[in-house]
Amino acid sequence: MEALPEHTIAIGGLKDGSHRYQFPLGPAFFGRCGVEEFLGGEAEVDVTLEKTNHLIVALIHVEGHVDMLCDHCNAPMQQAINGDQRQIFKLTGEDESDEDELVSLDPSTNEINLTHYIFECISLHLPIRHVHPAGQCDPAVTEALEKVAVHHQPDPRWAALENLKNKSA
């Protein structure tokens, strides 16, 4: 995802300590993500930066929803998101780690753009399967799916074995 200027934090003159930032996300953000499944959405992002001499720890909290299609009935739905992610920025210029959580930056870096990390936090906290809560799918689609569903009867030999298993338990 492209870096958006509204998610840039100036760290050049930032004093050591805790600093808090808030970013509202709207349909424009989700439209720029480049993810076809995202139809829109709204979320609030709270970022707490803990800065020390050579280290910045970004604690990212995202809460809101993503508009997408239900995997069961293909109707629009709002998938809730609520999650946290920690990202560590080391201001040494040495790329000595293979960890995803640790990013090495040049000490002369004056700003950090968090767009990628916000998108990553949202993506990691979405469930793999997007479905309406029970009973909220489009009833016409649910009925049509039931008509074409294949219902298998268990093989009677397995039922006999199941009875033996239940007797021994």
Foldseek 3Di string as FASTA:
>chain_A
DDFDPVQKDFPQPDDAAKDKDKDKAWQVLQVPPPDPFFRIWIKMWMWIWHDDDFKIKIKIWIWTWTWGAAPQQRHIDTFTFTFIDIAMEGQPQDPDDPDPRYHYDHVNDGMDGCSVVNVVGRVVRTDPGGHDPPPPHDPVSVVVCVVPDDDDDDDVVVVVVVVVVVVVD
